[in-house]
Each structure stands twice: as structure tokens, then as C-alpha cells.
Amino acid sequence: MKEIIIKKPQQSRSKQKFSAILAACPRVLQEFGFKKSTAAKMALEADVSIGTFYDYFSCKEAVYIAYLDSELNKALDKVAKKAGSKNMAAKELLRQLITAGVDFAFQQREIIKIAFNHFPDQLHVISLEKSREKLQKIALAFAHNQPIHFTNKDPELMMYTLTNIILGFQFRIVVMPNDGFSKDVIVDELTDIMANYILA
């Protein structure tokens, strides 16, 4: 089993090289497929040396994980910026958050499938530190716009249930064909389920 190590850069030029490697990830995957994609091919596509590649990533699998982490953060960032609007109703904010998750699953379907199939035990390496910051900001916006309604249910059980609902939809999007179901239909269904469950 390969050890997944991701060293995030601090300096501006290093960040550019790191980002270039992440951007190369889906292009190399599309051209060569997962099994034939290599660290050397990613470095070449990113126009960096193989030494530079290994400065940041222990292996090609680390790039896939860092790429998914980065893309999820970008998706949540858009919602977090909208969450600052005091005029946005809680249900609409909920819809925006769900839309970001569904779009992420659709857009990154192939890479998520690779992660599930080839190194599922390494997915815990995703730090999600920035994503957690975005989710905290979104949660605060919920609190300001409309109180969360926990009724008499155990809050931890509610979050466990909701997480499984979301992950169930995400897993369905990633691993199975979606003929006949548009993204809007999925978003509407998830929004109604969650709004009825958590919004007063």
C-alpha cells in the first residue's frame, strides 16, 4: 500500500507549481487512463520537474486526492460567499449547498470512482481544512437567517442520518448511470428532504 503524503506549499511560486500539477491530473487521466498515468506524465503535463512533483506528492494517488480536496473547496467557496447575504432564505441557502455537492459529484465522477476503486482506504488523508471553514461559515449563515429545528431528536443522530442521505445520493451519482434524472431533479429531492427535516 502506497503512503499518501501531500505537502502544501507556502510561497507564491511553489503554490503555482502545486496548482499546475493539480490541473494536470484530469488531463493526464483523460489521455492515459488511471493505470497508465504516472508521476512523470503528470510532471511533464504540468511543466515541472519530476523532483518538483515529489516535493509535494508522494505518488500519483496523492495528486488525485489533493485534486478532489481542491475542487470540493472551490465548490463550497462559491456557496460560502453567497451565504454572507442576509437576504437569502435558509431553504435557498440549503439548495445552494446541495447544488454544489451534486455538481461536484457529477463533474468529478470519474476521479471519485477511481478513488473508491483503487485507494478507498486512503481517502481519510483529505484534510478538508478549508472546506470545514467554508461549512462553518455556511452554518453560521443558517443560524442568522433561520433557526435550525432539531425537535426532540438527538442532534448527533440527525446529522448521522442527513450525512448518509447526502452520501447516498453522491454515491448513486458517482457509481451508477443517471439516465432519466437531471441534476435539478436530484437537487430538488434532496432540498425537500433536508428542509422538511431540519428547518423550522
C-alpha atoms as a PDB file:
ATOM      1  CA  MET A   1       0.000   0.000   0.000  1.00  0.00           C
ATOM      2  CA  LYS A   2       1.391   3.379  -1.019  1.00  0.00           C
ATOM      3  CA  GLU A   3       1.726   6.066   1.600  1.00  0.00           C
ATOM      4  CA  ILE A   4      -0.224   9.185   0.692  1.00  0.00           C
ATOM      5  CA  ILE A   5       1.714  12.337   1.574  1.00  0.00           C
ATOM      6  CA  ILE A   6       0.707  15.796   0.373  1.00  0.00           C
ATOM      7  CA  LYS A   7       2.931  18.767   1.265  1.00  0.00           C
ATOM      8  CA  LYS A   8       1.120  22.005   0.610  1.00  0.00           C
ATOM      9  CA  PRO A   9       3.431  24.881  -0.427  1.00  0.00           C
ATOM     10  CA  GLN A  10       3.653  28.229   1.332  1.00  0.00           C
ATOM     11  CA  GLN A  11       5.384  30.510  -1.187  1.00  0.00           C
ATOM     12  CA  SER A  12       3.633  32.007  -4.197  1.00  0.00           C
ATOM     13  CA  ARG A  13       5.807  30.374  -6.867  1.00  0.00           C
ATOM     14  CA  SER A  14       5.569  26.998  -5.149  1.00  0.00           C
ATOM     15  CA  LYS A  15       1.785  27.342  -4.988  1.00  0.00           C
ATOM     16  CA  GLN A  16       1.724  27.920  -8.751  1.00  0.00           C
ATOM     17  CA  LYS A  17       3.656  24.695  -9.362  1.00  0.00           C
ATOM     18  CA  PHE A  18       1.431  22.787  -6.953  1.00  0.00           C
ATOM     19  CA  SER A  19      -1.674  24.106  -8.723  1.00  0.00           C
ATOM     20  CA  ALA A  20      -0.186  23.248 -12.128  1.00  0.00           C
ATOM     21  CA  ILE A  21       0.215  19.619 -11.041  1.00  0.00           C
ATOM     22  CA  LEU A  22      -3.370  19.509  -9.792  1.00  0.00           C
ATOM     23  CA  ALA A  23      -4.608  20.968 -13.081  1.00  0.00           C
ATOM     24  CA  ALA A  24      -2.632  18.351 -14.995  1.00  0.00           C
ATOM     25  CA  CYS A  25      -4.304  15.495 -13.112  1.00  0.00           C
ATOM     26  CA  PRO A  26      -7.614  15.289 -15.072  1.00  0.00           C
ATOM     27  CA  ARG A  27      -5.850  15.926 -18.404  1.00  0.00           C
ATOM     28  CA  VAL A  28      -3.419  13.050 -17.869  1.00  0.00           C
ATOM     29  CA  LEU A  29      -6.280  10.835 -16.716  1.00  0.00           C
ATOM     30  CA  GLN A  30      -8.293  11.602 -19.839  1.00  0.00           C
ATOM     31  CA  GLU A  31      -5.361  10.878 -22.150  1.00  0.00           C
ATOM     32  CA  PHE A  32      -3.850   7.802 -20.496  1.00  0.00           C
ATOM     33  CA  GLY A  33      -6.364   6.397 -18.017  1.00  0.00           C
ATOM     34  CA  PHE A  34      -5.569   5.741 -14.362  1.00  0.00           C
ATOM     35  CA  LYS A  35      -3.333   2.677 -14.728  1.00  0.00           C
ATOM     36  CA  LYS A  36      -1.097   4.286 -17.352  1.00  0.00           C
ATOM     37  CA  SER A  37      -0.979   7.702 -15.718  1.00  0.00           C
ATOM     38  CA  THR A  38       2.283   8.231 -13.860  1.00  0.00           C
ATOM     39  CA  ALA A  39       4.017  10.857 -11.759  1.00  0.00           C
ATOM     40  CA  ALA A  40       6.360  11.536 -14.687  1.00  0.00           C
ATOM     41  CA  LYS A  41       3.455  12.150 -17.070  1.00  0.00           C
ATOM     42  CA  MET A  42       1.787  14.492 -14.597  1.00  0.00           C
ATOM     43  CA  ALA A  43       5.021  16.407 -14.091  1.00  0.00           C
ATOM     44  CA  LEU A  44       5.519  16.701 -17.856  1.00  0.00           C
ATOM     45  CA  GLU A  45       1.948  17.904 -18.383  1.00  0.00           C
ATOM     46  CA  ALA A  46       2.360  20.437 -15.558  1.00  0.00           C
ATOM     47  CA  ASP A  47       5.718  21.591 -16.975  1.00  0.00           C
ATOM     48  CA  VAL A  48       7.583  20.895 -13.741  1.00  0.00           C
ATOM     49  CA  SER A  49      10.479  18.557 -12.993  1.00  0.00           C
ATOM     50  CA  ILE A  50       9.859  15.127 -11.500  1.00  0.00           C
ATOM     51  CA  GLY A  51      11.828  16.318  -8.455  1.00  0.00           C
ATOM     52  CA  THR A  52       9.376  19.180  -8.003  1.00  0.00           C
ATOM     53  CA  PHE A  53       6.497  16.704  -8.264  1.00  0.00           C
ATOM     54  CA  TYR A  54       7.917  14.654  -5.402  1.00  0.00           C
ATOM     55  CA  ASP A  55       8.492  17.791  -3.344  1.00  0.00           C
ATOM     56  CA  TYR A  56       4.707  17.951  -2.949  1.00  0.00           C
ATOM     57  CA  PHE A  57       3.323  14.474  -3.630  1.00  0.00           C
ATOM     58  CA  SER A  58       4.469  11.020  -2.570  1.00  0.00           C
ATOM     59  CA  CYS A  59       2.780   9.322  -5.546  1.00  0.00           C
ATOM     60  CA  LYS A  60       0.204   9.852  -8.280  1.00  0.00           C
ATOM     61  CA  GLU A  61      -2.619   8.773  -5.925  1.00  0.00           C
ATOM     62  CA  ALA A  62      -1.756  11.721  -3.686  1.00  0.00           C
ATOM     63  CA  VAL A  63      -2.415  14.064  -6.609  1.00  0.00           C
ATOM     64  CA  TYR A  64      -5.875  12.592  -7.162  1.00  0.00           C
ATOM     65  CA  ILE A  65      -6.760  13.110  -3.503  1.00  0.00           C
ATOM     66  CA  ALA A  66      -5.351  16.661  -3.437  1.00  0.00           C
ATOM     67  CA  TYR A  67      -7.250  17.438  -6.650  1.00  0.00           C
ATOM     68  CA  LEU A  68     -10.581  16.287  -5.179  1.00  0.00           C
ATOM     69  CA  ASP A  69      -9.899  18.238  -1.986  1.00  0.00           C
ATOM     70  CA  SER A  70      -9.161  21.377  -4.006  1.00  0.00           C
ATOM     71  CA  GLU A  71     -12.233  21.065  -6.238  1.00  0.00           C
ATOM     72  CA  LEU A  72     -14.557  20.455  -3.292  1.00  0.00           C
ATOM     73  CA  ASN A  73     -13.144  23.520  -1.587  1.00  0.00           C
ATOM     74  CA  LYS A  74     -13.820  25.612  -4.710  1.00  0.00           C
ATOM     75  CA  ALA A  75     -17.417  24.379  -4.843  1.00  0.00           C
ATOM     76  CA  LEU A  76     -18.017  25.228  -1.185  1.00  0.00           C
ATOM     77  CA  ASP A  77     -16.291  28.588  -1.559  1.00  0.00           C
ATOM     78  CA  LYS A  78     -18.969  29.754  -4.004  1.00  0.00           C
ATOM     79  CA  VAL A  79     -21.701  28.821  -1.534  1.00  0.00           C
ATOM     80  CA  ALA A  80     -19.879  30.430   1.393  1.00  0.00           C
ATOM     81  CA  LYS A  81     -19.675  33.732  -0.482  1.00  0.00           C
ATOM     82  CA  LYS A  82     -23.414  33.632  -1.194  1.00  0.00           C
ATOM     83  CA  ALA A  83     -24.102  32.659   2.413  1.00  0.00           C
ATOM     84  CA  GLY A  84     -22.995  36.109   3.532  1.00  0.00           C
ATOM     85  CA  SER A  85     -26.131  37.597   2.000  1.00  0.00           C
ATOM     86  CA  LYS A  86     -28.643  38.424   4.728  1.00  0.00           C
ATOM     87  CA  ASN A  87     -31.431  38.330   2.152  1.00  0.00           C
ATOM     88  CA  MET A  88     -31.007  34.638   1.334  1.00  0.00           C
ATOM     89  CA  ALA A  89     -33.643  32.408   2.919  1.00  0.00           C
ATOM     90  CA  ALA A  90     -32.433  29.286   4.718  1.00  0.00           C
ATOM     91  CA  LYS A  91     -34.049  26.912   2.214  1.00  0.00           C
ATOM     92  CA  GLU A  92     -32.390  28.685  -0.705  1.00  0.00           C
ATOM     93  CA  LEU A  93     -29.037  28.539   1.062  1.00  0.00           C
ATOM     94  CA  LEU A  94     -29.642  24.837   1.641  1.00  0.00           C
ATOM     95  CA  ARG A  95     -30.388  24.407  -2.066  1.00  0.00           C
ATOM     96  CA  GLN A  96     -27.161  26.218  -2.978  1.00  0.00           C
ATOM     97  CA  LEU A  97     -25.151  23.908  -0.699  1.00  0.00           C
ATOM     98  CA  ILE A  98     -26.777  20.768  -2.111  1.00  0.00           C
ATOM     99  CA  THR A  99     -26.315  22.027  -5.666  1.00  0.00           C
ATOM    100  CA  ALA A 100     -22.593  22.480  -5.005  1.00  0.00           C
ATOM    101  CA  GLY A 101     -22.329  18.890  -3.745  1.00  0.00           C
ATOM    102  CA  VAL A 102     -24.325  17.423  -6.634  1.00  0.00           C
ATOM    103  CA  ASP A 103     -22.367  19.422  -9.218  1.00  0.00           C
ATOM    104  CA  PHE A 104     -19.127  18.239  -7.612  1.00  0.00           C
ATOM    105  CA  ALA A 105     -20.247  14.603  -7.838  1.00  0.00           C
ATOM    106  CA  PHE A 106     -21.256  14.960 -11.496  1.00  0.00           C
ATOM    107  CA  GLN A 107     -18.173  16.919 -12.569  1.00  0.00           C
ATOM    108  CA  GLN A 108     -15.634  14.775 -10.712  1.00  0.00           C
ATOM    109  CA  ARG A 109     -17.405  11.447 -11.222  1.00  0.00           C
ATOM    110  CA  GLU A 110     -14.510   9.658 -12.915  1.00  0.00           C
ATOM    111  CA  ILE A 111     -11.865  10.702 -10.395  1.00  0.00           C
ATOM    112  CA  ILE A 112     -14.138   9.902  -7.440  1.00  0.00           C
ATOM    113  CA  LYS A 113     -14.767   6.442  -8.931  1.00  0.00           C
ATOM    114  CA  ILE A 114     -11.018   5.911  -9.240  1.00  0.00           C
ATOM    115  CA  ALA A 115     -10.541   6.879  -5.586  1.00  0.00           C
ATOM    116  CA  PHE A 116     -13.299   4.490  -4.478  1.00  0.00           C
ATOM    117  CA  ASN A 117     -11.995   1.630  -6.627  1.00  0.00           C
ATOM    118  CA  HIS A 118      -8.206   1.938  -6.249  1.00  0.00           C
ATOM    119  CA  PHE A 119      -7.430   3.552  -2.890  1.00  0.00           C
ATOM    120  CA  PRO A 120     -10.598   3.925  -0.764  1.00  0.00           C
ATOM    121  CA  ASP A 121      -8.644   3.368   2.459  1.00  0.00           C
ATOM    122  CA  GLN A 122      -6.572   6.482   1.715  1.00  0.00           C
ATOM    123  CA  LEU A 123      -9.455   8.954   1.361  1.00  0.00           C
ATOM    124  CA  HIS A 124      -9.145   9.900   5.029  1.00  0.00           C
ATOM    125  CA  VAL A 125      -5.972  11.774   4.023  1.00  0.00           C
ATOM    126  CA  ILE A 126      -8.137  14.554   2.574  1.00  0.00           C
ATOM    127  CA  SER A 127      -7.753  17.267   5.170  1.00  0.00           C
ATOM    128  CA  LEU A 128     -10.818  19.337   4.196  1.00  0.00           C
ATOM    129  CA  GLU A 129      -9.498  22.064   6.491  1.00  0.00           C
ATOM    130  CA  LYS A 130     -10.504  24.865   4.138  1.00  0.00           C
ATOM    131  CA  SER A 131     -13.755  23.093   3.308  1.00  0.00           C
ATOM    132  CA  ARG A 132     -14.603  22.854   7.009  1.00  0.00           C
ATOM    133  CA  GLU A 133     -14.030  26.602   7.328  1.00  0.00           C
ATOM    134  CA  LYS A 134     -16.474  27.187   4.475  1.00  0.00           C
ATOM    135  CA  LEU A 135     -19.046  24.853   6.034  1.00  0.00           C
ATOM    136  CA  GLN A 136     -18.733  26.698   9.346  1.00  0.00           C
ATOM    137  CA  LYS A 137     -19.430  29.996   7.592  1.00  0.00           C
ATOM    138  CA  ILE A 138     -22.436  28.474   5.840  1.00  0.00           C
ATOM    139  CA  ALA A 139     -23.717  27.041   9.142  1.00  0.00           C
ATOM    140  CA  LEU A 140     -23.474  30.471  10.778  1.00  0.00           C
ATOM    141  CA  ALA A 141     -25.472  31.928   7.916  1.00  0.00           C
ATOM    142  CA  PHE A 142     -28.178  29.354   8.596  1.00  0.00           C
ATOM    143  CA  ALA A 143     -28.238  30.395  12.247  1.00  0.00           C
ATOM    144  CA  HIS A 144     -28.646  34.062  11.304  1.00  0.00           C
ATOM    145  CA  ASN A 145     -31.285  33.538   8.633  1.00  0.00           C
ATOM    146  CA  GLN A 146     -33.478  30.896  10.207  1.00  0.00           C
ATOM    147  CA  PRO A 147     -33.053  28.694  13.280  1.00  0.00           C
ATOM    148  CA  ILE A 148     -32.349  25.025  12.779  1.00  0.00           C
ATOM    149  CA  HIS A 149     -35.203  22.883  14.058  1.00  0.00           C
ATOM    150  CA  PHE A 150     -33.947  19.838  15.956  1.00  0.00           C
ATOM    151  CA  THR A 151     -37.355  18.992  17.523  1.00  0.00           C
ATOM    152  CA  ASN A 152     -36.892  16.292  20.132  1.00  0.00           C
ATOM    153  CA  LYS A 153     -34.433  14.240  18.075  1.00  0.00           C
ATOM    154  CA  ASP A 154     -30.850  13.590  19.049  1.00  0.00           C
ATOM    155  CA  PRO A 155     -28.750  16.177  17.100  1.00  0.00           C
ATOM    156  CA  GLU A 156     -25.944  13.659  16.518  1.00  0.00           C
ATOM    157  CA  LEU A 157     -28.418  11.104  15.162  1.00  0.00           C
ATOM    158  CA  MET A 158     -29.923  13.764  12.893  1.00  0.00           C
ATOM    159  CA  MET A 159     -26.519  14.661  11.461  1.00  0.00           C
ATOM    160  CA  TYR A 160     -25.685  10.968  11.012  1.00  0.00           C
ATOM    161  CA  THR A 161     -28.958  10.466   9.128  1.00  0.00           C
ATOM    162  CA  LEU A 162     -28.522  13.545   6.967  1.00  0.00           C
ATOM    163  CA  THR A 163     -24.917  12.668   6.172  1.00  0.00           C
ATOM    164  CA  ASN A 164     -25.993   9.235   4.996  1.00  0.00           C
ATOM    165  CA  ILE A 165     -28.756  10.735   2.864  1.00  0.00           C
ATOM    166  CA  ILE A 166     -26.273  13.079   1.188  1.00  0.00           C
ATOM    167  CA  LEU A 167     -23.569  10.425   0.774  1.00  0.00           C
ATOM    168  CA  GLY A 168     -26.166   8.007  -0.558  1.00  0.00           C
ATOM    169  CA  PHE A 169     -27.117  10.445  -3.295  1.00  0.00           C
ATOM    170  CA  GLN A 170     -23.478  11.263  -4.027  1.00  0.00           C
ATOM    171  CA  PHE A 171     -22.541   7.584  -4.225  1.00  0.00           C
ATOM    172  CA  ARG A 172     -25.505   6.953  -6.534  1.00  0.00           C
ATOM    173  CA  ILE A 173     -24.402   9.774  -8.826  1.00  0.00           C
ATOM    174  CA  VAL A 174     -20.838   8.507  -8.982  1.00  0.00           C
ATOM    175  CA  VAL A 175     -21.236   4.765  -9.428  1.00  0.00           C
ATOM    176  CA  MET A 176     -24.496   4.304 -11.326  1.00  0.00           C
ATOM    177  CA  PRO A 177     -25.968   5.638 -14.585  1.00  0.00           C
ATOM    178  CA  ASN A 178     -28.319   8.582 -14.156  1.00  0.00           C
ATOM    179  CA  ASP A 179     -30.401   8.351 -17.294  1.00  0.00           C
ATOM    180  CA  GLY A 180     -33.758   9.978 -16.733  1.00  0.00           C
ATOM    181  CA  PHE A 181     -32.650  12.050 -13.754  1.00  0.00           C
ATOM    182  CA  SER A 182     -31.370  15.569 -14.213  1.00  0.00           C
ATOM    183  CA  LYS A 183     -29.233  17.404 -11.678  1.00  0.00           C
ATOM    184  CA  ASP A 184     -32.175  19.722 -10.964  1.00  0.00           C
ATOM    185  CA  VAL A 185     -34.416  16.776 -10.051  1.00  0.00           C
ATOM    186  CA  ILE A 186     -31.799  15.409  -7.661  1.00  0.00           C
ATOM    187  CA  VAL A 187     -31.229  18.834  -6.077  1.00  0.00           C
ATOM    188  CA  ASP A 188     -34.986  19.383  -5.639  1.00  0.00           C
ATOM    189  CA  GLU A 189     -35.424  15.991  -3.979  1.00  0.00           C
ATOM    190  CA  LEU A 190     -32.504  16.452  -1.598  1.00  0.00           C
ATOM    191  CA  THR A 191     -33.532  20.012  -0.721  1.00  0.00           C
ATOM    192  CA  ASP A 192     -37.093  18.965   0.126  1.00  0.00           C
ATOM    193  CA  ILE A 193     -35.912  16.024   2.250  1.00  0.00           C
ATOM    194  CA  MET A 194     -33.428  18.115   4.224  1.00  0.00           C
ATOM    195  CA  ALA A 195     -35.635  21.200   4.539  1.00  0.00           C
ATOM    196  CA  ASN A 196     -38.501  19.141   5.948  1.00  0.00           C
ATOM    197  CA  TYR A 197     -36.101  17.536   8.380  1.00  0.00           C
ATOM    198  CA  ILE A 198     -34.058  20.426   9.752  1.00  0.00           C
ATOM    199  CA  LEU A 199     -35.774  23.738   9.022  1.00  0.00           C
ATOM    200  CA  ALA A 200     -38.418  25.086  11.377  1.00  0.00           C
END
